[in-house]
N, C-alpha and C. Protein backbone atom coordinates (compact mmCIF):
# COMPACT_ATOMS: atom_id res chain seq x y z
N MET A 1 -18.90 -34.71 -95.05
CA MET A 1 -17.79 -35.27 -94.30
C MET A 1 -18.34 -35.91 -93.02
N GLY A 2 -17.89 -37.10 -92.66
CA GLY A 2 -18.39 -37.81 -91.49
C GLY A 2 -17.85 -37.24 -90.19
N THR A 3 -18.42 -37.69 -89.09
CA THR A 3 -17.99 -37.24 -87.77
C THR A 3 -16.66 -37.88 -87.42
N VAL A 4 -15.76 -37.08 -86.92
CA VAL A 4 -14.44 -37.58 -86.52
C VAL A 4 -14.50 -37.93 -85.04
N ALA A 5 -13.94 -39.09 -84.69
CA ALA A 5 -13.92 -39.50 -83.29
C ALA A 5 -13.05 -38.55 -82.48
N ALA A 6 -13.39 -38.39 -81.22
CA ALA A 6 -12.61 -37.53 -80.33
C ALA A 6 -11.22 -38.12 -80.13
N ALA A 7 -10.23 -37.26 -80.15
CA ALA A 7 -8.85 -37.68 -79.92
C ALA A 7 -8.55 -37.68 -78.44
N THR A 8 -7.63 -38.53 -78.03
CA THR A 8 -7.17 -38.56 -76.65
C THR A 8 -5.86 -37.78 -76.57
N PRO A 9 -5.85 -36.69 -75.81
CA PRO A 9 -4.63 -35.89 -75.74
C PRO A 9 -3.58 -36.54 -74.84
N PRO A 10 -2.30 -36.21 -75.04
CA PRO A 10 -1.26 -36.68 -74.14
C PRO A 10 -1.42 -36.00 -72.77
N VAL A 11 -0.88 -36.63 -71.74
CA VAL A 11 -1.08 -36.14 -70.38
C VAL A 11 0.22 -36.19 -69.60
N ASN A 12 0.45 -35.17 -68.78
CA ASN A 12 1.50 -35.19 -67.76
C ASN A 12 0.80 -35.13 -66.41
N ILE A 13 1.19 -36.00 -65.50
CA ILE A 13 0.64 -36.00 -64.14
C ILE A 13 1.80 -35.82 -63.18
N TYR A 14 1.63 -34.89 -62.25
CA TYR A 14 2.70 -34.70 -61.26
C TYR A 14 2.10 -34.34 -59.91
N GLU A 15 2.87 -34.64 -58.89
CA GLU A 15 2.47 -34.38 -57.50
C GLU A 15 3.43 -33.36 -56.93
N TRP A 16 2.85 -32.36 -56.26
CA TRP A 16 3.67 -31.32 -55.65
C TRP A 16 2.86 -30.59 -54.60
N ALA A 17 3.45 -30.34 -53.46
CA ALA A 17 2.85 -29.55 -52.38
C ALA A 17 1.47 -30.07 -51.98
N GLY A 18 1.35 -31.38 -51.89
CA GLY A 18 0.08 -31.97 -51.44
C GLY A 18 -1.04 -31.93 -52.46
N GLN A 19 -0.67 -31.71 -53.73
CA GLN A 19 -1.67 -31.65 -54.79
C GLN A 19 -1.27 -32.55 -55.94
N LEU A 20 -2.28 -33.01 -56.67
CA LEU A 20 -2.06 -33.77 -57.89
C LEU A 20 -2.43 -32.84 -59.05
N SER A 21 -1.55 -32.72 -60.03
CA SER A 21 -1.80 -31.87 -61.19
C SER A 21 -1.81 -32.72 -62.45
N ILE A 22 -2.76 -32.45 -63.30
CA ILE A 22 -2.90 -33.13 -64.58
C ILE A 22 -2.82 -32.04 -65.65
N ALA A 23 -1.85 -32.12 -66.54
CA ALA A 23 -1.69 -31.13 -67.60
C ALA A 23 -1.83 -31.83 -68.94
N THR A 24 -2.63 -31.22 -69.83
CA THR A 24 -2.85 -31.81 -71.14
C THR A 24 -3.06 -30.73 -72.20
N PRO A 25 -2.39 -30.85 -73.34
CA PRO A 25 -2.61 -29.87 -74.40
C PRO A 25 -3.90 -30.18 -75.15
N ILE A 26 -4.71 -29.16 -75.36
CA ILE A 26 -5.92 -29.30 -76.18
C ILE A 26 -6.00 -28.11 -77.13
N PRO A 27 -5.21 -28.18 -78.21
CA PRO A 27 -5.11 -27.04 -79.13
C PRO A 27 -6.46 -26.64 -79.70
N GLY A 28 -6.68 -25.34 -79.73
CA GLY A 28 -7.90 -24.79 -80.31
C GLY A 28 -9.08 -24.72 -79.37
N ALA A 29 -8.96 -25.24 -78.16
CA ALA A 29 -10.08 -25.24 -77.21
C ALA A 29 -10.19 -23.90 -76.50
N HIS A 30 -11.42 -23.54 -76.17
CA HIS A 30 -11.71 -22.34 -75.39
C HIS A 30 -12.49 -22.77 -74.16
N ALA A 31 -12.26 -22.11 -73.04
CA ALA A 31 -12.82 -22.52 -71.75
C ALA A 31 -14.32 -22.83 -71.78
N PRO A 32 -15.17 -22.05 -72.45
CA PRO A 32 -16.61 -22.38 -72.42
C PRO A 32 -16.96 -23.72 -73.07
N HIS A 33 -16.03 -24.27 -73.84
CA HIS A 33 -16.30 -25.53 -74.54
C HIS A 33 -15.51 -26.70 -73.95
N VAL A 34 -15.06 -26.53 -72.71
CA VAL A 34 -14.30 -27.58 -72.03
C VAL A 34 -15.05 -27.97 -70.77
N GLU A 35 -15.28 -29.27 -70.60
CA GLU A 35 -15.94 -29.77 -69.39
C GLU A 35 -15.00 -30.75 -68.69
N VAL A 36 -14.83 -30.53 -67.39
CA VAL A 36 -13.96 -31.38 -66.57
C VAL A 36 -14.79 -31.94 -65.42
N VAL A 37 -14.67 -33.24 -65.18
CA VAL A 37 -15.31 -33.89 -64.04
C VAL A 37 -14.21 -34.58 -63.23
N VAL A 38 -14.18 -34.31 -61.92
CA VAL A 38 -13.18 -34.90 -61.03
C VAL A 38 -13.90 -35.70 -59.96
N THR A 39 -13.50 -36.95 -59.80
CA THR A 39 -13.95 -37.79 -58.68
C THR A 39 -12.69 -38.14 -57.89
N PRO A 40 -12.80 -38.77 -56.74
CA PRO A 40 -11.59 -39.07 -55.97
C PRO A 40 -10.54 -39.90 -56.71
N ASP A 41 -11.00 -40.73 -57.66
CA ASP A 41 -10.09 -41.66 -58.32
C ASP A 41 -9.94 -41.43 -59.82
N ARG A 42 -10.64 -40.43 -60.38
CA ARG A 42 -10.72 -40.33 -61.83
C ARG A 42 -10.92 -38.88 -62.29
N ILE A 43 -10.46 -38.61 -63.50
CA ILE A 43 -10.75 -37.34 -64.15
C ILE A 43 -11.30 -37.64 -65.55
N GLU A 44 -12.29 -36.84 -65.94
CA GLU A 44 -12.85 -36.96 -67.28
C GLU A 44 -12.84 -35.58 -67.90
N LEU A 45 -12.47 -35.53 -69.16
CA LEU A 45 -12.36 -34.28 -69.90
C LEU A 45 -13.07 -34.44 -71.24
N ASP A 46 -13.90 -33.47 -71.58
CA ASP A 46 -14.51 -33.37 -72.90
C ASP A 46 -14.28 -31.95 -73.38
N ALA A 47 -13.75 -31.81 -74.58
CA ALA A 47 -13.52 -30.48 -75.15
C ALA A 47 -13.89 -30.51 -76.62
N GLU A 48 -14.42 -29.40 -77.07
CA GLU A 48 -14.81 -29.27 -78.47
C GLU A 48 -14.29 -27.94 -79.00
N CYS A 49 -13.49 -28.00 -80.05
CA CYS A 49 -13.02 -26.80 -80.70
C CYS A 49 -14.07 -26.39 -81.71
N LYS A 50 -14.49 -25.15 -81.66
CA LYS A 50 -15.67 -24.73 -82.40
C LYS A 50 -15.40 -24.04 -83.73
N TYR A 51 -14.24 -24.15 -84.29
CA TYR A 51 -14.04 -23.55 -85.61
C TYR A 51 -13.55 -24.61 -86.59
N PRO A 52 -14.16 -24.66 -87.76
CA PRO A 52 -13.79 -25.68 -88.75
C PRO A 52 -12.51 -25.31 -89.47
N GLN A 53 -11.76 -26.31 -89.83
CA GLN A 53 -10.57 -26.09 -90.63
C GLN A 53 -10.59 -26.96 -91.88
N ASP A 54 -11.79 -27.34 -92.30
CA ASP A 54 -11.94 -28.20 -93.46
C ASP A 54 -11.41 -27.55 -94.74
N ALA A 55 -11.47 -26.23 -94.83
CA ALA A 55 -11.06 -25.53 -96.04
C ALA A 55 -9.54 -25.38 -96.14
N GLN A 56 -8.82 -25.74 -95.10
CA GLN A 56 -7.37 -25.61 -95.12
C GLN A 56 -6.75 -26.62 -96.08
N HIS A 57 -5.72 -26.21 -96.75
CA HIS A 57 -4.94 -27.12 -97.59
C HIS A 57 -3.64 -27.43 -96.83
N TYR A 58 -3.66 -28.52 -96.07
CA TYR A 58 -2.51 -28.85 -95.23
C TYR A 58 -1.37 -29.42 -96.06
N LEU A 59 -0.18 -28.98 -95.75
CA LEU A 59 1.02 -29.58 -96.29
C LEU A 59 1.62 -30.55 -95.28
N ARG A 60 1.33 -30.29 -94.02
CA ARG A 60 1.68 -31.19 -92.93
C ARG A 60 0.69 -30.93 -91.81
N ARG A 61 0.23 -31.99 -91.16
CA ARG A 61 -0.73 -31.83 -90.07
C ARG A 61 -0.37 -32.81 -88.96
N ASP A 62 0.28 -32.30 -87.92
CA ASP A 62 0.71 -33.14 -86.81
C ASP A 62 -0.26 -33.14 -85.65
N TRP A 63 -1.14 -32.15 -85.57
CA TRP A 63 -2.12 -32.12 -84.49
C TRP A 63 -3.45 -31.68 -85.04
N GLN A 64 -4.49 -32.10 -84.37
CA GLN A 64 -5.83 -31.82 -84.86
C GLN A 64 -6.52 -30.75 -84.04
N VAL A 65 -7.50 -30.16 -84.66
CA VAL A 65 -8.43 -29.27 -83.97
C VAL A 65 -9.77 -29.96 -84.07
N GLY A 66 -10.47 -30.07 -82.98
CA GLY A 66 -11.76 -30.76 -83.02
C GLY A 66 -12.15 -31.20 -81.63
N ALA A 67 -12.56 -32.45 -81.52
CA ALA A 67 -13.03 -32.99 -80.25
C ALA A 67 -11.89 -33.68 -79.51
N TRP A 68 -11.86 -33.48 -78.19
CA TRP A 68 -10.88 -34.11 -77.32
C TRP A 68 -11.62 -34.80 -76.19
N LYS A 69 -11.19 -35.99 -75.84
CA LYS A 69 -11.83 -36.74 -74.74
C LYS A 69 -10.74 -37.48 -73.96
N LEU A 70 -10.83 -37.38 -72.65
CA LEU A 70 -9.88 -38.06 -71.79
C LEU A 70 -10.63 -38.66 -70.61
N GLU A 71 -10.41 -39.93 -70.35
CA GLU A 71 -10.93 -40.60 -69.14
C GLU A 71 -9.72 -41.29 -68.52
N LEU A 72 -9.37 -40.84 -67.32
CA LEU A 72 -8.11 -41.25 -66.73
C LEU A 72 -8.28 -41.62 -65.26
N ASP A 73 -7.83 -42.81 -64.91
CA ASP A 73 -7.78 -43.20 -63.49
C ASP A 73 -6.57 -42.50 -62.87
N LEU A 74 -6.78 -41.89 -61.72
CA LEU A 74 -5.71 -41.13 -61.06
C LEU A 74 -4.82 -42.06 -60.24
N PRO A 75 -3.53 -41.74 -60.13
CA PRO A 75 -2.62 -42.59 -59.36
C PRO A 75 -2.77 -42.44 -57.85
N HIS A 76 -3.39 -41.33 -57.40
CA HIS A 76 -3.64 -41.08 -55.98
C HIS A 76 -5.04 -40.51 -55.84
N ARG A 77 -5.66 -40.73 -54.70
CA ARG A 77 -6.99 -40.16 -54.44
C ARG A 77 -6.87 -38.66 -54.20
N VAL A 78 -7.91 -37.94 -54.63
CA VAL A 78 -7.96 -36.49 -54.46
C VAL A 78 -9.28 -36.09 -53.83
N ALA A 79 -9.34 -34.83 -53.39
CA ALA A 79 -10.57 -34.23 -52.87
C ALA A 79 -11.21 -33.42 -54.01
N PRO A 80 -12.25 -33.95 -54.65
CA PRO A 80 -12.85 -33.27 -55.81
C PRO A 80 -13.33 -31.85 -55.52
N ASP A 81 -13.82 -31.60 -54.31
CA ASP A 81 -14.34 -30.26 -53.98
C ASP A 81 -13.28 -29.18 -54.06
N GLY A 82 -12.00 -29.55 -53.93
CA GLY A 82 -10.93 -28.57 -53.99
C GLY A 82 -10.30 -28.44 -55.37
N ALA A 83 -10.86 -29.14 -56.36
CA ALA A 83 -10.28 -29.13 -57.71
C ALA A 83 -10.52 -27.80 -58.42
N ARG A 84 -9.55 -27.41 -59.23
CA ARG A 84 -9.72 -26.23 -60.08
C ARG A 84 -9.07 -26.54 -61.44
N ALA A 85 -9.55 -25.84 -62.46
CA ALA A 85 -9.07 -26.09 -63.82
C ALA A 85 -8.76 -24.76 -64.50
N VAL A 86 -7.60 -24.69 -65.15
CA VAL A 86 -7.17 -23.47 -65.84
C VAL A 86 -6.71 -23.85 -67.24
N LEU A 87 -7.20 -23.13 -68.23
CA LEU A 87 -6.80 -23.32 -69.62
C LEU A 87 -6.04 -22.08 -70.08
N ARG A 88 -4.76 -22.26 -70.39
CA ARG A 88 -3.93 -21.15 -70.85
C ARG A 88 -3.08 -21.62 -72.03
N HIS A 89 -3.11 -20.86 -73.09
CA HIS A 89 -2.27 -21.13 -74.26
C HIS A 89 -2.43 -22.56 -74.77
N GLY A 90 -3.66 -23.08 -74.73
CA GLY A 90 -3.93 -24.40 -75.27
C GLY A 90 -3.57 -25.56 -74.36
N VAL A 91 -3.19 -25.28 -73.11
CA VAL A 91 -2.86 -26.34 -72.16
C VAL A 91 -3.82 -26.24 -70.98
N LEU A 92 -4.51 -27.34 -70.72
CA LEU A 92 -5.42 -27.42 -69.58
C LEU A 92 -4.67 -28.03 -68.41
N VAL A 93 -4.74 -27.36 -67.26
CA VAL A 93 -4.15 -27.90 -66.03
C VAL A 93 -5.26 -28.01 -64.99
N VAL A 94 -5.45 -29.23 -64.49
CA VAL A 94 -6.42 -29.49 -63.42
C VAL A 94 -5.62 -29.85 -62.19
N VAL A 95 -5.90 -29.14 -61.08
CA VAL A 95 -5.18 -29.35 -59.83
C VAL A 95 -6.20 -29.72 -58.76
N ALA A 96 -5.89 -30.77 -57.99
CA ALA A 96 -6.77 -31.18 -56.90
C ALA A 96 -5.91 -31.60 -55.71
N PRO A 97 -6.35 -31.24 -54.49
CA PRO A 97 -5.59 -31.64 -53.31
C PRO A 97 -5.65 -33.15 -53.10
N LEU A 98 -4.53 -33.72 -52.69
CA LEU A 98 -4.50 -35.14 -52.36
C LEU A 98 -5.36 -35.38 -51.12
N SER A 99 -6.06 -36.51 -51.08
CA SER A 99 -6.91 -36.82 -49.93
C SER A 99 -7.24 -38.30 -49.93
N GLU A 100 -6.91 -38.98 -48.84
CA GLU A 100 -7.25 -40.40 -48.72
C GLU A 100 -8.75 -40.61 -48.53
N ASP A 101 -9.42 -39.63 -47.94
CA ASP A 101 -10.85 -39.79 -47.67
C ASP A 101 -11.71 -38.91 -48.58
N GLY A 102 -11.18 -38.51 -49.73
CA GLY A 102 -11.95 -37.71 -50.68
C GLY A 102 -13.18 -38.47 -51.15
N SER A 103 -14.25 -37.75 -51.37
CA SER A 103 -15.47 -38.38 -51.87
C SER A 103 -16.20 -37.39 -52.75
N GLY A 104 -17.22 -37.87 -53.42
CA GLY A 104 -18.06 -37.01 -54.24
C GLY A 104 -17.53 -36.82 -55.64
N ARG A 105 -18.05 -35.76 -56.25
CA ARG A 105 -17.77 -35.47 -57.65
C ARG A 105 -17.79 -33.95 -57.82
N SER A 106 -16.91 -33.43 -58.63
CA SER A 106 -16.85 -31.99 -58.84
C SER A 106 -16.71 -31.70 -60.32
N GLN A 107 -17.32 -30.62 -60.77
CA GLN A 107 -17.15 -30.12 -62.12
C GLN A 107 -16.62 -28.69 -62.02
N PRO A 108 -15.30 -28.56 -61.84
CA PRO A 108 -14.76 -27.19 -61.71
C PRO A 108 -14.96 -26.40 -62.98
N THR A 109 -15.27 -25.13 -62.84
CA THR A 109 -15.37 -24.24 -63.99
C THR A 109 -13.98 -24.00 -64.55
N VAL A 110 -13.84 -24.16 -65.84
CA VAL A 110 -12.55 -23.95 -66.47
C VAL A 110 -12.32 -22.45 -66.63
N GLU A 111 -11.23 -21.98 -66.07
CA GLU A 111 -10.89 -20.56 -66.13
C GLU A 111 -10.04 -20.26 -67.35
């Protein structure tokens, strides 16, 4: 079987209490296999689900398990050093404080 291209997950972005939050479902992902990079203007996500489902006999398949990739320009600048990432119940939420003078790059550990 050939390599399947990484899927782009849907995203919700919201602003609250001086922070920008990015929420995205990545079914089947576990924190050790998720990498997040935050810059002042951008977020990048790579996730790999590590269990095969090739042997399944699907009757309907609306979502995939496998590789996920997201590269997203942010609507507001953030401070990467204050970013944190939490994966719960298949939903990754990355939160970063808003900042006009944010700089650098951060790779928060996914909790």
